[in-house]
């Protein structure tokens, strides 16, 4: 059974997985789908039709605009913004107010286990790779590779992180997680787990 706090707004057509919790002042819009064991923090916004996998955490005041897709195990920090408009305008060239039919929403895709730090902004369309980490305050304007560690405005890759979330240490031709000991191998700008 899912939990919805008294002050939250969840559309009747939204789908909440088992043990998902929606906290005070959060809003989950029409046709959004959240997997099992998710947490949506106070004041967070989940847009129409957004897809969220199992075991995701979306912290307070995060804004996840449609058509974002979050895989299982994704962490969205406090006040993160996932945008959905490449060329945002309030009005059309003739001065008339834009409506939903005047633009095509583009989304942010976040792969399994990735983390987006507090107050980061992901400017759609971008993909955040599996197990990647976007540092707090970063502005992501291009795709982030699996296991990539990106920082800054605009965000740039400054290293690699493992599944445990810690920056990896380079030891010769391989990368090692200081927490788990897992070994990773880099080839042509791509990092993969070693067997």
C-alpha atoms as a PDB file:
ATOM      1  CA  UNK A   1       0.000   0.000   0.000  1.00  0.00           C
ATOM      2  CA  UNK A   2       1.258   3.497  -0.835  1.00  0.00           C
ATOM      3  CA  UNK A   3       1.134   6.533   1.465  1.00  0.00           C
ATOM      4  CA  UNK A   4      -0.029  10.027   0.490  1.00  0.00           C
ATOM      5  CA  UNK A   5       0.278  12.817   3.068  1.00  0.00           C
ATOM      6  CA  UNK A   6      -2.814  14.921   3.727  1.00  0.00           C
ATOM      7  CA  UNK A   7      -1.384  18.025   2.048  1.00  0.00           C
ATOM      8  CA  UNK A   8      -0.177  16.250  -1.112  1.00  0.00           C
ATOM      9  CA  UNK A   9      -2.010  16.290  -4.444  1.00  0.00           C
ATOM     10  CA  UNK A  10      -2.027  13.060  -6.440  1.00  0.00           C
ATOM     11  CA  UNK A  11      -4.093  12.884  -9.628  1.00  0.00           C
ATOM     12  CA  UNK A  12      -6.614  10.070  -9.772  1.00  0.00           C
ATOM     13  CA  UNK A  13      -4.972   8.724 -12.933  1.00  0.00           C
ATOM     14  CA  UNK A  14      -1.481   8.634 -11.402  1.00  0.00           C
ATOM     15  CA  UNK A  15      -0.145   5.181 -10.520  1.00  0.00           C
ATOM     16  CA  UNK A  16       1.785   4.651  -7.295  1.00  0.00           C
ATOM     17  CA  UNK A  17       3.709   1.446  -6.649  1.00  0.00           C
ATOM     18  CA  UNK A  18       3.608  -0.541  -3.441  1.00  0.00           C
ATOM     19  CA  UNK A  19       5.199   1.238  -0.430  1.00  0.00           C
ATOM     20  CA  UNK A  20       5.661   4.525  -2.328  1.00  0.00           C
ATOM     21  CA  UNK A  21       5.373   7.631  -0.139  1.00  0.00           C
ATOM     22  CA  UNK A  22       4.246  11.088  -1.283  1.00  0.00           C
ATOM     23  CA  UNK A  23       4.902  13.781   1.338  1.00  0.00           C
ATOM     24  CA  UNK A  24       3.225  17.075   2.208  1.00  0.00           C
ATOM     25  CA  UNK A  25       2.690  19.664  -0.559  1.00  0.00           C
ATOM     26  CA  UNK A  26       4.043  17.336  -3.261  1.00  0.00           C
ATOM     27  CA  UNK A  27       2.105  17.154  -6.516  1.00  0.00           C
ATOM     28  CA  UNK A  28       1.921  14.092  -8.770  1.00  0.00           C
ATOM     29  CA  UNK A  29       0.156  14.875 -12.038  1.00  0.00           C
ATOM     30  CA  UNK A  30      -2.109  12.900 -14.344  1.00  0.00           C
ATOM     31  CA  UNK A  31      -0.852   9.602 -15.745  1.00  0.00           C
ATOM     32  CA  UNK A  32       2.465   9.782 -13.880  1.00  0.00           C
ATOM     33  CA  UNK A  33       3.738   6.341 -12.900  1.00  0.00           C
ATOM     34  CA  UNK A  34       5.920   5.741  -9.858  1.00  0.00           C
ATOM     35  CA  UNK A  35       7.365   2.326  -9.074  1.00  0.00           C
ATOM     36  CA  UNK A  36       7.603   0.540  -5.750  1.00  0.00           C
ATOM     37  CA  UNK A  37       9.358   1.951  -2.657  1.00  0.00           C
ATOM     38  CA  UNK A  38       9.703   5.491  -4.041  1.00  0.00           C
ATOM     39  CA  UNK A  39       9.844   8.619  -1.896  1.00  0.00           C
ATOM     40  CA  UNK A  40       8.626  11.980  -3.179  1.00  0.00           C
ATOM     41  CA  UNK A  41       9.635  14.738  -0.763  1.00  0.00           C
ATOM     42  CA  UNK A  42       7.788  17.785   0.484  1.00  0.00           C
ATOM     43  CA  UNK A  43       6.890  20.261  -2.243  1.00  0.00           C
ATOM     44  CA  UNK A  44       8.210  18.135  -5.118  1.00  0.00           C
ATOM     45  CA  UNK A  45       6.463  18.182  -8.491  1.00  0.00           C
ATOM     46  CA  UNK A  46       6.075  15.147 -10.781  1.00  0.00           C
ATOM     47  CA  UNK A  47       4.704  16.143 -14.199  1.00  0.00           C
ATOM     48  CA  UNK A  48       2.024  14.589 -16.348  1.00  0.00           C
ATOM     49  CA  UNK A  49       3.051  11.179 -17.666  1.00  0.00           C
ATOM     50  CA  UNK A  50       6.470  11.132 -15.972  1.00  0.00           C
ATOM     51  CA  UNK A  51       7.828   7.596 -15.476  1.00  0.00           C
ATOM     52  CA  UNK A  52       9.742   6.767 -12.288  1.00  0.00           C
ATOM     53  CA  UNK A  53      11.246   3.323 -11.621  1.00  0.00           C
ATOM     54  CA  UNK A  54      11.374   1.395  -8.359  1.00  0.00           C
ATOM     55  CA  UNK A  55      13.371   2.580  -5.328  1.00  0.00           C
ATOM     56  CA  UNK A  56      13.772   6.209  -6.437  1.00  0.00           C
ATOM     57  CA  UNK A  57      14.132   9.180  -4.093  1.00  0.00           C
ATOM     58  CA  UNK A  58      12.948  12.592  -5.244  1.00  0.00           C
ATOM     59  CA  UNK A  59      13.820  15.102  -2.551  1.00  0.00           C
ATOM     60  CA  UNK A  60      12.032  18.244  -1.346  1.00  0.00           C
ATOM     61  CA  UNK A  61      11.103  20.910  -3.901  1.00  0.00           C
ATOM     62  CA  UNK A  62      12.483  18.983  -6.899  1.00  0.00           C
ATOM     63  CA  UNK A  63      10.728  19.694 -10.201  1.00  0.00           C
ATOM     64  CA  UNK A  64      10.480  16.726 -12.570  1.00  0.00           C
ATOM     65  CA  UNK A  65       8.759  17.957 -15.729  1.00  0.00           C
ATOM     66  CA  UNK A  66       7.251  15.681 -18.340  1.00  0.00           C
ATOM     67  CA  UNK A  67       8.255  13.669 -20.293  1.00  0.00           C
ATOM     68  CA  UNK A  68      11.101  12.766 -17.906  1.00  0.00           C
ATOM     69  CA  UNK A  69      11.955   9.100 -17.396  1.00  0.00           C
ATOM     70  CA  UNK A  70      13.814   7.893 -14.315  1.00  0.00           C
ATOM     71  CA  UNK A  71      15.043   4.297 -14.129  1.00  0.00           C
ATOM     72  CA  UNK A  72      15.230   2.269 -10.908  1.00  0.00           C
ATOM     73  CA  UNK A  73      17.314   3.554  -8.022  1.00  0.00           C
ATOM     74  CA  UNK A  74      17.629   7.170  -9.180  1.00  0.00           C
ATOM     75  CA  UNK A  75      18.293   9.914  -6.608  1.00  0.00           C
ATOM     76  CA  UNK A  76      17.049  13.448  -7.298  1.00  0.00           C
ATOM     77  CA  UNK A  77      18.372  15.944  -4.739  1.00  0.00           C
ATOM     78  CA  UNK A  78      16.564  18.886  -3.158  1.00  0.00           C
ATOM     79  CA  UNK A  79      15.443  21.626  -5.573  1.00  0.00           C
ATOM     80  CA  UNK A  80      16.714  19.820  -8.699  1.00  0.00           C
ATOM     81  CA  UNK A  81      15.029  20.890 -11.947  1.00  0.00           C
ATOM     82  CA  UNK A  82      14.560  18.577 -14.939  1.00  0.00           C
ATOM     83  CA  UNK A  83      13.436  20.887 -17.763  1.00  0.00           C
ATOM     84  CA  UNK A  84      11.327  20.039 -20.800  1.00  0.00           C
ATOM     85  CA  UNK A  85      11.472  22.909 -23.293  1.00  0.00           C
ATOM     86  CA  UNK A  86      14.446  23.525 -25.598  1.00  0.00           C
ATOM     87  CA  UNK A  87      13.377  27.066 -26.538  1.00  0.00           C
ATOM     88  CA  UNK A  88      11.128  28.324 -23.731  1.00  0.00           C
ATOM     89  CA  UNK A  89       8.848  31.281 -24.405  1.00  0.00           C
ATOM     90  CA  UNK A  90       5.653  32.484 -22.717  1.00  0.00           C
ATOM     91  CA  UNK A  91       4.279  33.854 -26.004  1.00  0.00           C
ATOM     92  CA  UNK A  92       4.313  33.003 -29.708  1.00  0.00           C
ATOM     93  CA  UNK A  93       6.009  35.380 -32.190  1.00  0.00           C
ATOM     94  CA  UNK A  94       2.613  37.069 -32.774  1.00  0.00           C
ATOM     95  CA  UNK A  95       2.370  37.864 -29.038  1.00  0.00           C
ATOM     96  CA  UNK A  96      -0.351  35.321 -28.270  1.00  0.00           C
ATOM     97  CA  UNK A  97       0.025  33.293 -25.106  1.00  0.00           C
ATOM     98  CA  UNK A  98       1.576  29.879 -25.734  1.00  0.00           C
ATOM     99  CA  UNK A  99      -0.464  26.804 -24.908  1.00  0.00           C
ATOM    100  CA  UNK A 100       0.552  23.169 -24.558  1.00  0.00           C
ATOM    101  CA  UNK A 101      -0.141  22.609 -28.256  1.00  0.00           C
ATOM    102  CA  UNK A 102       2.392  25.309 -29.268  1.00  0.00           C
ATOM    103  CA  UNK A 103       5.495  23.312 -28.347  1.00  0.00           C
ATOM    104  CA  UNK A 104       6.853  19.787 -28.193  1.00  0.00           C
ATOM    105  CA  UNK A 105       7.999  18.724 -24.748  1.00  0.00           C
ATOM    106  CA  UNK A 106      11.423  17.077 -24.623  1.00  0.00           C
ATOM    107  CA  UNK A 107      12.579  15.182 -21.583  1.00  0.00           C
ATOM    108  CA  UNK A 108      15.459  14.249 -19.370  1.00  0.00           C
ATOM    109  CA  UNK A 109      16.254  10.536 -19.185  1.00  0.00           C
ATOM    110  CA  UNK A 110      18.107   9.253 -16.138  1.00  0.00           C
ATOM    111  CA  UNK A 111      19.477   5.709 -16.152  1.00  0.00           C
ATOM    112  CA  UNK A 112      19.650   3.215 -13.285  1.00  0.00           C
ATOM    113  CA  UNK A 113      21.302   4.243 -10.042  1.00  0.00           C
ATOM    114  CA  UNK A 114      22.281   7.766 -11.130  1.00  0.00           C
ATOM    115  CA  UNK A 115      22.275  10.718  -8.699  1.00  0.00           C
ATOM    116  CA  UNK A 116      21.564  14.373  -9.355  1.00  0.00           C
ATOM    117  CA  UNK A 117      22.778  16.675  -6.564  1.00  0.00           C
ATOM    118  CA  UNK A 118      20.928  19.522  -4.869  1.00  0.00           C
ATOM    119  CA  UNK A 119      19.908  22.486  -7.038  1.00  0.00           C
ATOM    120  CA  UNK A 120      21.343  20.974 -10.215  1.00  0.00           C
ATOM    121  CA  UNK A 121      19.521  21.722 -13.466  1.00  0.00           C
ATOM    122  CA  UNK A 122      19.304  19.240 -16.335  1.00  0.00           C
ATOM    123  CA  UNK A 123      18.415  21.056 -19.563  1.00  0.00           C
ATOM    124  CA  UNK A 124      16.406  18.749 -21.819  1.00  0.00           C
ATOM    125  CA  UNK A 125      16.969  16.819 -23.919  1.00  0.00           C
ATOM    126  CA  UNK A 126      19.795  15.081 -22.055  1.00  0.00           C
ATOM    127  CA  UNK A 127      20.544  11.596 -20.774  1.00  0.00           C
ATOM    128  CA  UNK A 128      22.252  10.977 -17.446  1.00  0.00           C
ATOM    129  CA  UNK A 129      24.023   7.606 -17.651  1.00  0.00           C
ATOM    130  CA  UNK A 130      23.714   4.680 -15.267  1.00  0.00           C
ATOM    131  CA  UNK A 131      25.357   5.230 -11.869  1.00  0.00           C
ATOM    132  CA  UNK A 132      26.553   8.708 -12.917  1.00  0.00           C
ATOM    133  CA  UNK A 133      26.694  11.599 -10.442  1.00  0.00           C
ATOM    134  CA  UNK A 134      25.761  15.192 -11.207  1.00  0.00           C
ATOM    135  CA  UNK A 135      27.297  17.472  -8.571  1.00  0.00           C
ATOM    136  CA  UNK A 136      25.177  19.921  -6.599  1.00  0.00           C
ATOM    137  CA  UNK A 137      24.556  23.130  -8.508  1.00  0.00           C
ATOM    138  CA  UNK A 138      25.699  21.789 -11.880  1.00  0.00           C
ATOM    139  CA  UNK A 139      23.909  22.708 -15.107  1.00  0.00           C
ATOM    140  CA  UNK A 140      23.813  19.716 -17.444  1.00  0.00           C
ATOM    141  CA  UNK A 141      23.493  20.656 -21.115  1.00  0.00           C
ATOM    142  CA  UNK A 142      24.829  17.480 -22.755  1.00  0.00           C
ATOM    143  CA  UNK A 143      24.672  13.751 -22.090  1.00  0.00           C
ATOM    144  CA  UNK A 144      26.568  12.309 -19.136  1.00  0.00           C
ATOM    145  CA  UNK A 145      28.204   8.882 -19.650  1.00  0.00           C
ATOM    146  CA  UNK A 146      27.579   5.886 -17.410  1.00  0.00           C
ATOM    147  CA  UNK A 147      29.605   6.290 -14.176  1.00  0.00           C
ATOM    148  CA  UNK A 148      30.493   9.891 -15.145  1.00  0.00           C
ATOM    149  CA  UNK A 149      31.103  12.519 -12.454  1.00  0.00           C
ATOM    150  CA  UNK A 150      30.138  15.973 -13.740  1.00  0.00           C
ATOM    151  CA  UNK A 151      30.446  19.379 -12.077  1.00  0.00           C
ATOM    152  CA  UNK A 152      30.094  23.054 -12.973  1.00  0.00           C
ATOM    153  CA  UNK A 153      28.220  25.403 -15.257  1.00  0.00           C
ATOM    154  CA  UNK A 154      28.018  24.063 -17.859  1.00  0.00           C
ATOM    155  CA  UNK A 155      28.667  20.624 -16.412  1.00  0.00           C
ATOM    156  CA  UNK A 156      31.826  18.821 -17.520  1.00  0.00           C
ATOM    157  CA  UNK A 157      33.166  15.400 -16.638  1.00  0.00           C
ATOM    158  CA  UNK A 158      35.923  15.568 -14.036  1.00  0.00           C
ATOM    159  CA  UNK A 159      36.149  11.894 -13.123  1.00  0.00           C
ATOM    160  CA  UNK A 160      34.322   8.642 -12.619  1.00  0.00           C
ATOM    161  CA  UNK A 161      32.180   7.241  -9.796  1.00  0.00           C
ATOM    162  CA  UNK A 162      31.363   3.641  -8.954  1.00  0.00           C
ATOM    163  CA  UNK A 163      28.070   2.075  -7.968  1.00  0.00           C
ATOM    164  CA  UNK A 164      28.782   2.956  -4.320  1.00  0.00           C
ATOM    165  CA  UNK A 165      28.829   6.647  -5.299  1.00  0.00           C
ATOM    166  CA  UNK A 166      32.426   7.479  -4.356  1.00  0.00           C
ATOM    167  CA  UNK A 167      34.855   8.956  -6.889  1.00  0.00           C
ATOM    168  CA  UNK A 168      37.064   6.220  -8.323  1.00  0.00           C
ATOM    169  CA  UNK A 169      40.864   6.176  -7.941  1.00  0.00           C
ATOM    170  CA  UNK A 170      42.962   5.503 -10.977  1.00  0.00           C
ATOM    171  CA  UNK A 171      45.508   2.716 -10.534  1.00  0.00           C
ATOM    172  CA  UNK A 172      47.384   2.240 -13.768  1.00  0.00           C
ATOM    173  CA  UNK A 173      44.963   1.282 -16.527  1.00  0.00           C
ATOM    174  CA  UNK A 174      42.084   0.599 -14.168  1.00  0.00           C
ATOM    175  CA  UNK A 175      39.829   2.502 -11.800  1.00  0.00           C
ATOM    176  CA  UNK A 176      39.082   1.279  -8.256  1.00  0.00           C
ATOM    177  CA  UNK A 177      36.226   2.119  -5.895  1.00  0.00           C
ATOM    178  CA  UNK A 178      37.653   3.071  -2.474  1.00  0.00           C
ATOM    179  CA  UNK A 179      34.496   1.825  -0.738  1.00  0.00           C
ATOM    180  CA  UNK A 180      33.741  -1.502  -2.426  1.00  0.00           C
ATOM    181  CA  UNK A 181      37.037  -2.407  -4.105  1.00  0.00           C
ATOM    182  CA  UNK A 182      35.152  -2.927  -7.401  1.00  0.00           C
ATOM    183  CA  UNK A 183      37.414  -2.498 -10.429  1.00  0.00           C
ATOM    184  CA  UNK A 184      36.389  -0.574 -13.550  1.00  0.00           C
ATOM    185  CA  UNK A 185      38.086  -0.260 -16.937  1.00  0.00           C
ATOM    186  CA  UNK A 186      38.094   2.818 -19.189  1.00  0.00           C
ATOM    187  CA  UNK A 187      38.167   2.543 -22.978  1.00  0.00           C
ATOM    188  CA  UNK A 188      37.536   5.357 -25.472  1.00  0.00           C
ATOM    189  CA  UNK A 189      35.823   7.566 -22.882  1.00  0.00           C
ATOM    190  CA  UNK A 190      33.583   4.778 -21.616  1.00  0.00           C
ATOM    191  CA  UNK A 191      33.818   3.104 -18.215  1.00  0.00           C
ATOM    192  CA  UNK A 192      32.688  -0.471 -17.573  1.00  0.00           C
ATOM    193  CA  UNK A 193      32.832  -2.831 -14.629  1.00  0.00           C
ATOM    194  CA  UNK A 194      35.634  -5.385 -14.749  1.00  0.00           C
ATOM    195  CA  UNK A 195      34.679  -9.059 -14.474  1.00  0.00           C
END
